[in-house]
Protein backbone atom coordinates (compact mmCIF):
# COMPACT_ATOMS: atom_id res chain seq x y z
CA MET A 1 126.29 30.13 127.27
CA PRO A 2 125.61 27.35 129.82
CA PHE A 3 123.39 29.59 131.98
CA LEU A 4 121.12 30.43 129.06
CA ARG A 5 120.86 26.79 127.99
CA PHE A 6 119.88 25.84 131.55
CA ARG A 7 117.38 28.69 131.66
CA ASP A 8 115.90 27.61 128.33
CA ARG A 9 115.39 24.07 129.61
CA ARG A 10 113.62 25.41 132.68
CA SER A 11 111.48 27.67 130.48
CA GLU A 12 110.24 24.66 128.51
CA ARG A 13 109.31 22.95 131.78
CA TYR A 14 107.49 26.04 133.02
CA ASP A 15 105.54 26.25 129.75
CA SER A 16 104.44 22.64 130.20
CA LEU A 17 103.43 23.23 133.82
CA THR A 18 101.54 26.40 132.86
CA GLU A 19 99.53 24.44 130.29
CA LYS A 20 98.72 21.78 132.89
CA VAL A 21 97.40 24.46 135.26
CA ALA A 22 95.36 26.02 132.46
CA ARG A 23 93.83 22.67 131.54
CA ARG A 24 92.81 22.12 135.12
CA VAL A 25 91.20 25.51 135.79
CA LEU A 26 89.86 26.82 132.46
CA SER A 27 86.55 26.14 130.79
CA ARG A 28 86.28 26.07 126.99
CA GLY A 29 84.86 29.60 127.13
CA ALA A 30 87.38 31.13 129.53
CA THR A 31 89.00 34.55 129.15
CA THR A 32 92.81 34.72 129.19
CA VAL A 33 95.56 37.31 128.85
CA ASP A 34 99.10 36.55 127.63
CA ILE A 35 101.33 39.44 128.71
CA GLY A 36 104.63 39.34 126.89
CA ALA A 37 103.21 37.01 124.26
CA HIS A 38 106.39 36.99 122.11
CA THR A 39 105.76 34.42 119.33
CA GLY A 40 102.69 32.89 120.99
CA ALA A 41 104.06 29.70 122.58
CA ILE A 42 101.78 29.99 125.62
CA LEU A 43 99.01 31.81 123.75
CA ARG A 44 98.67 28.85 121.40
CA ARG A 45 98.13 26.54 124.36
CA LEU A 46 95.59 28.86 125.98
CA VAL A 47 93.56 29.12 122.77
CA LYS A 48 93.60 25.34 122.46
CA VAL A 49 92.41 24.85 126.04
CA ALA A 50 89.67 27.51 125.74
CA PRO A 51 88.70 27.53 122.03
CA LEU A 52 85.41 29.33 122.69
CA GLY A 53 86.95 31.92 124.99
CA ARG A 54 88.13 35.49 124.69
CA HIS A 55 91.89 35.90 124.50
CA TYR A 56 94.19 38.93 124.73
CA ALA A 57 97.84 39.02 123.68
CA ILE A 58 100.03 41.88 124.90
CA GLU A 59 103.22 42.39 122.88
CA PRO A 60 105.05 45.74 122.48
CA LEU A 61 107.48 44.77 119.70
CA PRO A 62 105.80 45.74 116.40
CA GLN A 63 107.08 42.83 114.32
CA LEU A 64 106.02 40.29 116.92
CA ALA A 65 102.59 41.89 117.37
CA GLU A 66 102.07 41.76 113.60
CA ARG A 67 103.06 38.10 113.55
CA LEU A 68 100.63 37.32 116.38
CA ARG A 69 97.77 39.01 114.52
CA ALA A 70 98.46 36.90 111.45
CA THR A 71 98.84 33.67 113.42
CA PHE A 72 95.91 34.16 115.83
CA PRO A 73 93.15 36.04 113.98
CA SER A 74 90.60 35.39 116.75
CA VAL A 75 92.83 36.91 119.47
CA THR A 76 92.82 40.58 120.47
CA VAL A 77 96.47 41.57 119.98
CA LEU A 78 97.56 44.84 121.59
CA GLU A 79 100.88 46.39 120.58
CA VAL A 80 101.60 47.91 123.99
CA ALA A 81 103.67 47.38 127.11
CA LEU A 82 101.97 47.25 130.49
CA ALA A 83 102.94 49.28 133.56
CA GLU A 84 101.47 51.26 136.45
CA ARG A 85 100.37 54.21 134.31
CA ASP A 86 99.47 55.03 130.71
CA GLY A 87 101.85 56.90 128.42
CA THR A 88 104.90 56.20 126.28
CA LEU A 89 108.30 54.96 127.41
CA PRO A 90 111.65 53.97 125.88
CA PHE A 91 111.93 50.22 125.38
CA ARG A 92 115.02 48.11 124.80
CA HIS A 93 114.60 45.86 121.76
CA VAL A 94 117.30 43.20 122.16
CA LEU A 95 117.99 42.39 118.54
CA ALA A 96 119.69 39.02 119.00
CA GLU A 97 117.26 37.83 121.70
CA PRO A 98 113.90 39.63 121.31
CA ALA A 99 112.45 37.62 124.22
CA TYR A 100 114.83 39.50 126.54
CA SER A 101 113.53 42.93 125.48
CA GLY A 102 112.11 45.24 128.13
CA PHE A 103 112.17 48.61 129.82
CA ASP A 104 115.55 48.04 131.46
CA ARG A 105 118.58 45.82 131.11
CA ARG A 106 118.08 42.90 133.48
CA PRO A 107 120.71 42.57 136.25
CA TRP A 108 121.57 38.98 135.28
CA ASP A 109 121.91 39.47 131.50
CA THR A 110 124.90 37.83 129.84
CA TYR A 111 124.14 38.54 126.18
CA ALA A 112 126.31 40.86 124.09
CA GLU A 113 124.91 44.38 123.98
CA ASN A 114 123.02 44.78 120.70
CA VAL A 115 119.99 46.90 121.46
CA GLU A 116 117.68 49.16 119.45
CA MET A 117 115.88 51.75 121.56
CA ILE A 118 112.26 52.28 120.52
CA GLU A 119 109.31 54.19 121.97
CA VAL A 120 106.34 52.06 122.97
CA GLN A 121 102.83 52.85 124.09
CA VAL A 122 102.25 51.92 127.73
CA ARG A 123 98.87 51.00 129.23
CA ARG A 124 97.54 49.79 132.56
CA LEU A 125 96.07 46.29 132.42
CA ASP A 126 92.91 47.54 134.15
CA ASP A 127 92.45 50.11 131.37
CA VAL A 128 93.11 47.56 128.63
CA LEU A 129 90.52 45.14 129.97
CA GLU A 130 87.91 47.79 130.83
CA GLY A 131 86.33 45.64 133.52
CA VAL A 132 86.28 42.38 131.57
CA PRO A 133 86.67 39.53 134.09
CA VAL A 134 89.68 37.33 133.37
CA ASP A 135 90.20 33.72 134.36
CA PHE A 136 93.90 33.24 133.59
CA ILE A 137 96.89 35.55 133.04
CA LYS A 138 100.43 34.73 131.99
CA VAL A 139 103.10 37.37 132.69
CA ASP A 140 106.59 37.20 131.17
CA VAL A 141 107.91 40.76 130.92
CA GLU A 142 111.60 40.58 131.76
CA ASN A 143 111.77 42.05 135.26
CA ALA A 144 108.84 44.46 134.83
CA GLU A 145 106.17 42.24 136.41
CA LEU A 146 105.80 44.48 139.47
CA ARG A 147 104.85 47.39 137.20
CA VAL A 148 102.29 45.20 135.42
CA PHE A 149 100.66 44.22 138.71
CA GLN A 150 100.71 47.81 140.00
CA GLY A 151 98.53 48.70 137.00
CA ALA A 152 96.08 45.88 137.62
CA PRO A 153 94.44 46.27 141.08
CA GLU A 154 90.90 45.81 139.75
CA THR A 155 91.87 42.80 137.63
CA LEU A 156 93.72 41.10 140.48
CA SER A 157 90.90 41.79 142.93
CA LYS A 158 88.77 39.35 140.91
CA ARG A 159 91.31 36.65 141.83
CA PRO A 160 92.33 35.14 138.50
CA PHE A 161 95.01 32.50 138.16
CA VAL A 162 98.30 34.22 137.29
CA ALA A 163 101.33 32.30 136.00
CA PHE A 164 104.21 34.74 136.26
CA GLU A 165 107.94 35.07 135.81
CA VAL A 166 109.61 37.07 138.57
CA GLY A 167 112.89 38.98 138.64
CA ASP A 168 114.83 40.86 141.28
CA LYS A 169 111.79 42.57 142.87
CA PHE A 170 110.31 39.21 143.82
CA LEU A 171 109.41 40.07 147.41
CA ASP A 172 107.59 43.23 146.33
CA VAL A 173 105.68 41.12 143.82
CA TYR A 174 104.81 38.56 146.48
CA ASP A 175 103.56 41.27 148.84
CA LEU A 176 101.41 42.92 146.19
CA LEU A 177 99.82 39.67 145.05
CA THR A 178 99.09 38.38 148.54
CA GLU A 179 97.67 41.74 149.60
CA THR A 180 95.04 41.33 146.86
CA GLY A 181 93.98 38.01 148.42
CA LEU A 182 95.90 35.69 146.09
CA SER A 183 98.16 32.89 147.28
CA VAL A 184 101.52 32.11 145.66
CA SER A 185 102.84 28.62 144.87
CA ARG A 186 105.32 26.92 142.63
CA LEU A 187 103.37 25.57 139.66
CA GLN A 188 104.33 21.97 140.40
CA ASP A 189 103.34 22.37 144.05
CA TRP A 190 99.89 23.68 143.17
CA LEU A 191 99.34 20.84 140.71
CA ALA A 192 100.33 18.34 143.41
CA GLY A 193 98.04 19.94 146.02
CA ARG A 194 100.87 21.12 148.26
CA PRO A 195 100.49 24.18 150.55
CA GLN A 196 101.05 27.73 149.30
CA LEU A 197 104.37 29.44 149.88
CA SER A 198 104.94 31.74 152.83
CA ARG A 199 106.98 34.87 152.19
CA ASP A 200 110.13 33.17 153.50
CA ASP A 201 109.39 30.00 151.52
CA PHE A 202 108.94 32.08 148.37
CA ALA A 203 112.28 33.83 148.91
CA ALA A 204 113.96 30.45 149.29
CA ALA A 205 112.19 28.99 146.24
CA ARG A 206 113.25 31.99 144.14
CA LYS A 207 116.88 30.85 144.43
CA ASN A 208 116.10 27.95 142.09
CA ASP A 209 112.85 28.90 140.32
CA PHE A 210 111.77 32.01 138.43
CA PHE A 211 108.21 31.09 137.39
CA PHE A 212 105.34 30.81 139.88
CA LEU A 213 101.56 30.71 140.17
CA ALA A 214 99.31 33.17 141.99
CA HIS A 215 95.91 31.65 142.65
CA PRO A 216 92.70 31.98 144.68
């Protein structure tokens, strides 16, 4: 599928840019959260940048959470999904492409339907962290990022750096993040010292990019 190959190439670039941001802003003892940790591609980089820090990995798929625990014994791995309230919810495990799993089918999906429905525990990020200040958050939750941020007002009020994927509710996400006092930029723009994105600029950038940085 040409679209997926193109998306995968962009994902690799976003991972590299995310690591560059982390290296610039994190101390060796920083606290980070990887939301939608999957197999730990970004988590591994965060642990390397902040080897003396406290790290959380959020991953609702049981087999992936188990793998993360085995691979990263020093990381707090939580087998939950994040949203605006605690509870349990049905979750779509995409068997052929676990990275595309989530609460709902994404509007742009092109994969063949091969889904196992499971029940997952759902928590608010504020409740998970229990007031622990966080320096850096990565969010990759397949079109559920607005729900993650709605459950994190206290966490966001402390103005961490947030590298996030964004789906079809991108303007709602922009409004929520900026209302907490964060600015939004493309990762490469922030690294180059360029100005933050206005709401209109963000909408235009979203036509070509799907990963951004919220920052103080």
